[in-house]
Amino acid sequence: MNVAGLVGLVLAHFLVGLTAAQGGCSRMVTRRDIMTLSQQEWSQTASVLQRMQNDGWFRIFAEIHNREFNNIHGNDNFFPWHRRFLRDFEEIGQRYDPNFAVPYWDELRDSRNPAGSPVLSSRLMGGNGFGGCVRDGLQQGWTMSFPGPHCLVRRYDRGGQMQSWYSPEYIFSTMQRYNDMHGLRENIEFTLHGSVHLGMGGDMSALYSSNDFVFFLHHANLDRLWAQWQSWGHQWTMDGRNHFGASIGLTSALPHYGDQVGSTMQLGVNRMCFRYAGTGSRRRSESSLALVSTPPGSNGETRAQEGLQNLPLPILQKWFPALVNSSRDRAPVSAAVAPKANTTRSTIDTEQPAGHFLVYPAPLTNEWVNMHRFDRQKVANTMEEAREFVDALNRAGYKSPY
């Protein structure tokens, strides 16, 4: 082949690749809250997962996550890499059923009492291990083959219970206060990410945590939160550094896959052929706590929103900057809650909004910090900030509907 022909062939290959890279998806799937799946839909999902286990795919994904662990945690590859990893898993599942989509667990809704979540019932994922081994739910009786043959292990961090995780309000605050990838990533990885892994224990607290399908439910939710944050004007926000300290940008290569970081940034483009139910679907969604986590009850969304917007202005300015403008015209809190002089005590109690004071979330353990090679002082500062947040809202009389 002459030089001109070779150049033409290379150029044609480049243009085809560029077109494919920039093209949209011919078919999309919707990732939904696992609690919204019908019994038939869950049975179809479970059937795909069983076949993937039988064919060795859980082992392959556990090996990948184990091998790349230090490249994808404690640095700003965290969000784009796990999005690519989940999509890889989902694409494999679609070989068995083209409608397969990874569900997500709205774990913030269950943060007060994680062990009591219906997601961990025998109908869905099963609960704590007996002697370590999971004996009910999706993966009962499974033998995991990485790093060697063993039952799937779960050991809740408080024996038969789990410590509380981070509240929807705290994660909502984090998403409003950090406009850079590095800040968002640290403050999600040090909090919600770690507390769920540690709470579940067993395989979920190991380098090969993807043995447990709860891993995929958990990371789908983290990815959903990232997608929501992206819709607030951060679609292409990518900064920070990788495991070696080098800057990460949109053209940086993802560990293991080699794809550019930018190829993961937009849903519905490249291989990211999925969407999340409800994400970014409402006007001014950065002011809607319900888009971060679905509140319980028929009027839960209204209660959640009004409760935050009635916080004193200094608290909103510090913790919920996106709510400040929407709350400027509200009545003073003291006037809104002050009882009439002739109101009886029982009437006062029934007029107070139902809910719960916030509780301190579970801190990261020293073993977890060491395993991830986190900056110990940064973790300590984040833990202190989370406690300060709880104290501030409780002093203001805020009651969470979750």
Protein backbone atom coordinates (compact mmCIF):
# COMPACT_ATOMS: atom_id res chain seq x y z
CA MET A 1 0.00 0.00 0.00
CA ASN A 2 1.38 3.44 -0.90
CA VAL A 3 1.83 6.23 1.62
CA ALA A 4 -1.25 8.12 0.47
CA GLY A 5 -3.36 4.99 0.84
CA LEU A 6 -1.96 4.32 4.29
CA VAL A 7 -2.61 7.89 5.42
CA GLY A 8 -6.14 7.65 4.04
CA LEU A 9 -6.77 4.40 5.90
CA VAL A 10 -5.47 5.83 9.19
CA LEU A 11 -7.56 8.97 8.72
CA ALA A 12 -10.67 6.93 7.96
CA HIS A 13 -10.10 4.79 11.05
CA PHE A 14 -9.67 7.95 13.15
CA LEU A 15 -12.86 9.51 11.83
CA VAL A 16 -14.85 6.33 12.42
CA GLY A 17 -13.54 6.15 15.97
CA LEU A 18 -14.27 9.82 16.56
CA THR A 19 -17.80 9.45 15.26
CA ALA A 20 -18.41 6.42 17.46
CA ALA A 21 -16.91 8.18 20.48
CA GLN A 22 -19.15 11.20 20.00
CA GLY A 23 -22.26 9.27 19.02
CA GLY A 24 -25.30 8.79 21.16
CA CYS A 25 -26.81 5.49 22.22
CA SER A 26 -29.24 3.67 19.99
CA ARG A 27 -30.75 2.01 23.06
CA MET A 28 -30.91 3.13 26.68
CA VAL A 29 -31.81 1.31 29.88
CA THR A 30 -33.11 2.97 33.03
CA ARG A 31 -31.55 2.21 36.39
CA ARG A 32 -34.25 2.26 39.03
CA ASP A 33 -34.50 2.13 42.79
CA ILE A 34 -34.46 -1.58 43.64
CA MET A 35 -37.53 -1.03 45.85
CA THR A 36 -39.60 -0.02 42.81
CA LEU A 37 -38.98 -3.29 40.93
CA SER A 38 -41.91 -5.67 40.71
CA GLN A 39 -41.42 -9.27 41.78
CA GLN A 40 -41.23 -10.31 38.13
CA GLU A 41 -38.66 -7.61 37.33
CA TRP A 42 -36.53 -8.65 40.30
CA SER A 43 -36.81 -12.31 39.31
CA GLN A 44 -35.55 -11.44 35.81
CA THR A 45 -32.67 -9.44 37.28
CA ALA A 46 -31.81 -12.25 39.69
CA SER A 47 -31.85 -14.77 36.84
CA VAL A 48 -29.27 -12.76 34.90
CA LEU A 49 -27.05 -12.44 37.96
CA GLN A 50 -27.22 -16.17 38.66
CA ARG A 51 -26.15 -16.92 35.09
CA MET A 52 -23.31 -14.41 35.34
CA GLN A 53 -22.15 -16.11 38.53
CA ASN A 54 -22.37 -19.55 36.88
CA ASP A 55 -20.23 -18.33 33.98
CA GLY A 56 -17.55 -16.83 36.23
CA TRP A 57 -18.22 -13.12 35.70
CA PHE A 58 -18.38 -12.27 39.40
CA ARG A 59 -14.89 -13.70 39.76
CA ILE A 60 -13.61 -11.62 36.85
CA PHE A 61 -15.02 -8.38 38.23
CA ALA A 62 -13.72 -9.15 41.73
CA GLU A 63 -10.26 -9.71 40.26
CA ILE A 64 -10.37 -6.41 38.38
CA HIS A 65 -11.50 -4.42 41.41
CA ASN A 66 -8.92 -6.12 43.63
CA ARG A 67 -6.08 -5.49 41.17
CA GLU A 68 -6.94 -1.84 40.51
CA PHE A 69 -7.85 -0.98 44.10
CA ASN A 70 -5.13 1.58 44.77
CA ASN A 71 -5.61 3.19 41.36
CA ILE A 72 -9.32 3.88 41.90
CA HIS A 73 -9.64 4.82 45.58
CA GLY A 74 -8.23 7.77 47.44
CA ASN A 75 -7.86 9.72 44.20
CA ASP A 76 -10.04 11.37 41.60
CA ASN A 77 -10.39 8.39 39.29
CA PHE A 78 -12.97 7.19 41.81
CA PHE A 79 -16.20 8.40 40.17
CA PRO A 80 -15.41 7.93 36.45
CA TRP A 81 -13.71 4.56 36.98
CA HIS A 82 -16.58 3.07 38.96
CA ARG A 83 -19.06 4.38 36.40
CA ARG A 84 -17.11 2.54 33.69
CA PHE A 85 -16.84 -0.58 35.87
CA LEU A 86 -20.59 -0.71 36.52
CA ARG A 87 -21.35 -0.15 32.86
CA ASP A 88 -18.97 -2.99 31.96
CA PHE A 89 -20.86 -5.27 34.36
CA GLU A 90 -24.19 -4.08 32.97
CA GLU A 91 -23.11 -4.71 29.36
CA ILE A 92 -22.17 -8.28 30.29
CA GLY A 93 -25.60 -8.73 31.86
CA GLN A 94 -27.24 -7.49 28.68
CA ARG A 95 -25.71 -10.42 26.81
CA TYR A 96 -28.13 -12.58 28.78
CA ASP A 97 -31.06 -10.13 28.75
CA PRO A 98 -30.95 -6.91 26.67
CA ASN A 99 -33.25 -5.25 29.22
CA PHE A 100 -30.88 -5.84 32.13
CA ALA A 101 -30.05 -2.72 34.15
CA VAL A 102 -28.22 -2.43 37.47
CA PRO A 103 -30.68 -1.17 40.11
CA TYR A 104 -29.59 1.24 42.81
CA TRP A 105 -30.18 1.23 46.55
CA ASP A 106 -31.37 4.54 47.96
CA GLU A 107 -29.34 3.77 51.07
CA LEU A 108 -29.67 7.32 52.39
CA ARG A 109 -33.35 6.61 53.00
CA ASP A 110 -32.27 3.71 55.25
CA SER A 111 -29.34 5.50 56.87
CA ARG A 112 -30.87 5.66 60.37
CA ASN A 113 -31.29 1.87 60.63
CA PRO A 114 -29.48 0.19 57.70
CA ALA A 115 -29.93 -3.36 59.01
CA GLY A 116 -33.71 -2.86 58.97
CA SER A 117 -33.79 -1.97 55.28
CA PRO A 118 -36.18 -4.05 53.14
CA VAL A 119 -33.35 -4.23 50.60
CA LEU A 120 -31.66 -6.64 53.03
CA SER A 121 -34.74 -8.84 53.34
CA SER A 122 -34.77 -12.43 52.14
CA ARG A 123 -36.89 -11.33 49.14
CA LEU A 124 -34.04 -9.21 47.79
CA MET A 125 -30.42 -9.18 48.93
CA GLY A 126 -30.62 -11.13 52.17
CA GLY A 127 -29.21 -9.98 55.46
CA ASN A 128 -26.35 -10.59 57.85
CA GLY A 129 -24.27 -13.74 57.60
CA PHE A 130 -24.68 -16.68 59.95
CA GLY A 131 -21.19 -17.71 60.88
CA GLY A 132 -20.28 -15.15 58.24
CA CYS A 133 -22.04 -16.89 55.35
CA VAL A 134 -25.07 -15.24 53.73
CA ARG A 135 -27.96 -17.71 54.06
CA ASP A 136 -30.86 -15.90 52.40
CA GLY A 137 -31.64 -13.58 49.53
CA LEU A 138 -30.14 -13.36 46.04
CA GLN A 139 -26.74 -14.89 46.78
CA GLN A 140 -27.66 -17.56 49.30
CA GLY A 141 -25.64 -20.70 48.70
CA TRP A 142 -23.27 -19.02 46.25
CA THR A 143 -19.63 -20.06 46.31
CA MET A 144 -17.45 -17.10 45.41
CA SER A 145 -14.23 -18.09 43.70
CA PHE A 146 -12.05 -15.03 44.32
CA PRO A 147 -9.60 -14.86 45.99
CA GLY A 148 -10.36 -18.53 46.69
CA PRO A 149 -13.50 -20.64 47.08
CA HIS A 150 -15.64 -19.31 49.93
CA CYS A 151 -19.23 -18.50 50.81
CA LEU A 152 -20.29 -14.89 50.37
CA VAL A 153 -19.52 -13.30 53.73
CA ARG A 154 -21.33 -10.47 55.52
CA ARG A 155 -20.55 -9.36 59.06
CA TYR A 156 -22.45 -6.28 60.18
CA ASP A 157 -20.24 -3.82 62.03
CA ARG A 158 -22.34 -4.02 65.22
CA GLY A 159 -22.99 -7.73 65.29
CA GLY A 160 -26.68 -8.07 64.49
CA GLN A 161 -27.03 -4.37 63.65
CA MET A 162 -25.19 -1.65 61.75
CA GLN A 163 -24.09 1.78 62.82
CA SER A 164 -26.02 4.65 61.27
CA TRP A 165 -24.85 5.89 57.89
CA TYR A 166 -24.79 9.45 56.59
CA SER A 167 -28.13 11.22 56.37
CA PRO A 168 -29.74 12.44 53.14
CA GLU A 169 -29.45 15.97 54.50
CA TYR A 170 -25.68 15.70 54.98
CA ILE A 171 -25.03 14.31 51.49
CA PHE A 172 -27.37 16.96 50.02
CA SER A 173 -25.30 19.58 51.84
CA THR A 174 -22.05 18.09 50.55
CA MET A 175 -23.29 18.15 46.98
CA GLN A 176 -24.16 21.85 47.32
CA ARG A 177 -20.98 22.95 49.05
CA TYR A 178 -18.41 21.41 46.72
CA ASN A 179 -18.18 22.55 43.12
CA ASP A 180 -14.97 20.70 42.27
CA MET A 181 -14.55 16.99 41.60
CA HIS A 182 -11.74 16.66 44.13
CA GLY A 183 -13.79 18.15 46.95
CA LEU A 184 -16.92 16.20 46.11
CA ARG A 185 -15.04 12.94 45.72
CA GLU A 186 -13.19 13.18 49.03
CA ASN A 187 -16.30 14.10 50.95
CA ILE A 188 -18.34 11.25 49.46
CA GLU A 189 -15.58 8.66 49.63
CA PHE A 190 -14.76 9.49 53.26
CA THR A 191 -18.42 9.37 54.30
CA LEU A 192 -21.23 7.49 52.55
CA HIS A 193 -18.97 5.27 50.45
CA GLY A 194 -16.99 3.95 53.38
CA SER A 195 -19.83 3.68 55.88
CA VAL A 196 -21.84 1.32 53.67
CA HIS A 197 -18.88 -0.94 52.91
CA LEU A 198 -17.90 -1.09 56.58
CA GLY A 199 -21.47 -1.53 57.78
CA MET A 200 -22.01 -4.58 55.58
CA GLY A 201 -18.61 -6.06 56.42
CA GLY A 202 -17.34 -9.39 55.10
CA ASP A 203 -16.60 -9.37 51.39
CA MET A 204 -17.92 -5.80 51.15
CA SER A 205 -15.09 -4.59 53.39
CA ALA A 206 -12.40 -6.34 51.32
CA LEU A 207 -10.52 -5.32 48.17
CA TYR A 208 -12.72 -7.77 46.23
CA SER A 209 -15.96 -6.18 47.49
CA SER A 210 -17.71 -6.61 44.13
CA ASN A 211 -18.28 -10.27 45.07
CA ASP A 212 -21.38 -8.95 46.86
CA PHE A 213 -24.05 -7.59 44.53
CA VAL A 214 -24.75 -4.98 47.22
CA PHE A 215 -21.53 -3.42 45.89
CA PHE A 216 -23.24 -2.72 42.57
CA LEU A 217 -26.41 -1.38 44.22
CA HIS A 218 -24.25 0.89 46.39
CA HIS A 219 -22.04 2.19 43.60
CA ALA A 220 -25.01 2.70 41.29
CA ASN A 221 -26.42 5.00 43.97
CA LEU A 222 -23.12 6.86 44.32
CA ASP A 223 -23.02 7.21 40.55
CA ARG A 224 -26.63 8.48 40.59
CA LEU A 225 -25.64 11.14 43.11
CA TRP A 226 -22.69 12.12 40.91
CA ALA A 227 -25.01 12.34 37.88
CA GLN A 228 -27.36 14.56 39.90
CA TRP A 229 -24.45 16.79 40.91
CA GLN A 230 -23.33 16.94 37.27
CA SER A 231 -26.78 18.19 36.27
CA TRP A 232 -26.29 21.18 38.58
CA GLY A 233 -23.79 22.75 36.20
CA HIS A 234 -20.89 20.32 36.66
CA GLN A 235 -21.32 18.15 33.56
CA TRP A 236 -17.66 18.32 32.56
CA THR A 237 -16.09 19.10 35.93
CA MET A 238 -12.96 16.97 36.23
CA ASP A 239 -9.93 17.92 38.29
CA GLY A 240 -7.65 16.46 40.88
CA ARG A 241 -4.94 13.83 40.73
CA ASN A 242 -4.49 10.11 40.27
CA HIS A 243 -2.80 7.58 42.53
CA PHE A 244 0.65 8.69 41.35
CA GLY A 245 -0.04 12.39 41.92
CA ALA A 246 -0.41 13.28 38.25
CA SER A 247 -3.21 15.64 37.19
CA ILE A 248 -6.40 14.06 35.86
CA GLY A 249 -8.30 15.65 32.99
CA LEU A 250 -10.91 14.63 30.46
CA THR A 251 -8.27 13.02 28.22
CA SER A 252 -6.65 10.99 30.99
CA ALA A 253 -6.83 7.20 30.62
CA LEU A 254 -8.90 5.18 33.07
CA PRO A 255 -6.99 2.39 34.84
CA HIS A 256 -7.52 -1.08 33.35
CA TYR A 257 -9.87 0.15 30.60
CA GLY A 258 -7.71 2.78 28.92
CA ASP A 259 -10.80 4.79 27.95
CA GLN A 260 -10.58 8.53 28.35
CA VAL A 261 -12.15 9.96 31.48
CA GLY A 262 -14.26 12.23 29.26
CA SER A 263 -15.98 9.21 27.70
CA THR A 264 -17.78 8.57 31.03
CA MET A 265 -18.90 12.11 31.80
CA GLN A 266 -22.18 12.20 29.93
CA LEU A 267 -24.96 9.63 30.17
CA GLY A 268 -26.46 8.58 26.84
CA VAL A 269 -23.16 9.08 25.01
CA ASN A 270 -20.35 6.66 24.15
CA ARG A 271 -20.91 3.45 26.11
CA MET A 272 -22.83 5.18 28.91
CA CYS A 273 -26.17 3.94 27.54
CA PHE A 274 -28.20 4.29 30.72
CA ARG A 275 -30.10 6.86 32.73
CA TYR A 276 -31.36 7.10 36.31
CA ALA A 277 -35.07 7.29 37.04
CA GLY A 278 -35.90 10.83 38.15
CA THR A 279 -32.40 12.30 38.12
CA GLY A 280 -32.35 15.96 37.13
CA SER A 281 -35.97 15.81 36.07
CA ARG A 282 -37.20 18.81 38.06
CA ARG A 283 -36.60 22.49 37.70
CA ARG A 284 -34.09 23.87 40.21
CA SER A 285 -33.26 20.31 41.23
CA GLU A 286 -30.29 21.55 43.23
CA SER A 287 -32.91 22.76 45.73
CA SER A 288 -34.75 19.43 45.96
CA LEU A 289 -33.69 17.04 48.71
CA ALA A 290 -36.14 14.47 47.29
CA LEU A 291 -33.95 14.06 44.20
CA VAL A 292 -31.08 12.99 46.44
CA SER A 293 -33.18 10.52 48.43
CA THR A 294 -36.88 9.72 48.31
CA PRO A 295 -38.51 10.62 51.64
CA PRO A 296 -40.97 8.14 53.16
CA GLY A 297 -44.69 8.86 53.34
CA SER A 298 -47.17 10.54 51.03
CA ASN A 299 -46.14 14.05 52.11
CA GLY A 300 -42.50 13.23 52.83
CA GLU A 301 -41.15 15.37 50.00
CA THR A 302 -43.02 18.47 51.20
CA ARG A 303 -41.97 17.91 54.80
CA ALA A 304 -38.34 17.39 53.85
CA GLN A 305 -38.20 20.54 51.75
CA GLU A 306 -40.06 22.77 54.20
CA GLY A 307 -37.98 21.53 57.10
CA LEU A 308 -34.75 22.61 55.44
CA GLN A 309 -36.07 25.89 54.06
CA ASN A 310 -37.26 26.89 57.55
CA LEU A 311 -33.76 26.63 58.99
CA PRO A 312 -32.18 29.89 60.17
CA LEU A 313 -30.47 31.80 57.38
CA PRO A 314 -26.91 31.44 58.80
CA ILE A 315 -27.30 27.64 58.74
CA LEU A 316 -28.57 27.72 55.16
CA GLN A 317 -25.70 29.97 54.11
CA LYS A 318 -23.13 27.60 55.59
CA TRP A 319 -24.62 24.21 54.85
CA PHE A 320 -27.22 24.65 52.07
CA PRO A 321 -26.16 27.57 49.83
CA ALA A 322 -28.51 26.53 47.00
CA LEU A 323 -31.50 26.93 49.34
CA VAL A 324 -30.70 30.48 50.39
CA ASN A 325 -32.48 32.29 47.55
CA SER A 326 -35.53 30.03 47.71
CA SER A 327 -35.86 30.73 51.44
CA ARG A 328 -35.42 34.51 51.58
CA ASP A 329 -39.14 35.23 51.62
CA ARG A 330 -40.08 32.72 54.27
CA ALA A 331 -41.52 33.84 57.62
CA PRO A 332 -39.02 34.06 60.49
CA VAL A 333 -38.57 30.68 62.11
CA SER A 334 -39.49 31.99 65.55
CA ALA A 335 -42.79 33.30 64.21
CA ALA A 336 -43.48 30.13 62.28
CA VAL A 337 -43.16 27.84 65.29
CA ALA A 338 -44.25 30.07 68.20
CA PRO A 339 -47.43 28.66 69.83
CA LYS A 340 -50.39 30.81 70.76
CA ALA A 341 -50.65 31.72 74.43
CA ASN A 342 -53.79 29.65 75.02
CA THR A 343 -52.62 26.59 73.09
CA THR A 344 -52.51 23.40 75.17
CA ARG A 345 -49.40 21.26 75.39
CA SER A 346 -51.02 18.34 73.54
CA THR A 347 -51.98 20.66 70.67
CA ILE A 348 -48.46 22.03 70.46
CA ASP A 349 -47.04 18.52 70.24
CA THR A 350 -49.37 17.47 67.45
CA GLU A 351 -48.60 20.62 65.46
CA GLN A 352 -44.86 20.03 65.55
CA PRO A 353 -43.56 18.37 62.36
CA ALA A 354 -43.04 14.64 62.77
CA GLY A 355 -39.54 13.33 62.34
CA HIS A 356 -36.29 12.56 64.12
CA PHE A 357 -33.25 14.45 65.25
CA LEU A 358 -30.14 13.58 63.29
CA VAL A 359 -27.63 11.11 64.74
CA TYR A 360 -23.88 10.93 64.39
CA PRO A 361 -22.87 8.71 61.46
CA ALA A 362 -20.37 5.88 61.69
CA PRO A 363 -16.73 7.03 61.36
CA LEU A 364 -14.17 5.25 59.22
CA THR A 365 -12.04 2.71 61.05
CA ASN A 366 -8.26 2.93 61.22
CA GLU A 367 -8.05 -0.28 59.20
CA TRP A 368 -10.20 1.21 56.43
CA VAL A 369 -8.13 4.43 56.35
CA ASN A 370 -4.92 2.42 56.09
CA MET A 371 -6.33 0.08 53.46
CA HIS A 372 -7.21 3.06 51.24
CA ARG A 373 -4.10 5.06 52.12
CA PHE A 374 -6.24 8.06 52.94
CA ASP A 375 -4.80 11.23 54.43
CA ARG A 376 -5.61 10.65 58.10
CA GLN A 377 -5.96 14.34 58.93
CA LYS A 378 -8.35 14.97 56.04
CA VAL A 379 -10.50 12.06 57.19
CA ALA A 380 -10.50 13.39 60.77
CA ASN A 381 -11.53 16.84 59.53
CA THR A 382 -14.39 15.35 57.50
CA MET A 383 -15.63 13.33 60.46
CA GLU A 384 -15.57 16.44 62.65
CA GLU A 385 -17.46 18.42 60.01
CA ALA A 386 -20.14 15.71 59.85
CA ARG A 387 -20.63 15.89 63.62
CA GLU A 388 -20.75 19.69 63.48
CA PHE A 389 -23.49 19.42 60.84
CA VAL A 390 -25.58 17.13 63.06
CA ASP A 391 -25.15 19.46 66.04
CA ALA A 392 -26.09 22.55 64.02
CA LEU A 393 -29.33 21.10 62.66
CA ASN A 394 -30.35 19.52 65.95
CA ARG A 395 -29.81 22.80 67.83
CA ALA A 396 -32.02 24.51 65.24
CA GLY A 397 -34.79 22.02 66.01
CA TYR A 398 -34.71 20.37 62.59
CA LYS A 399 -36.52 17.01 62.43
CA SER A 400 -35.67 14.69 59.59
CA PRO A 401 -38.55 12.85 57.89
CA TYR A 402 -36.20 9.97 57.04
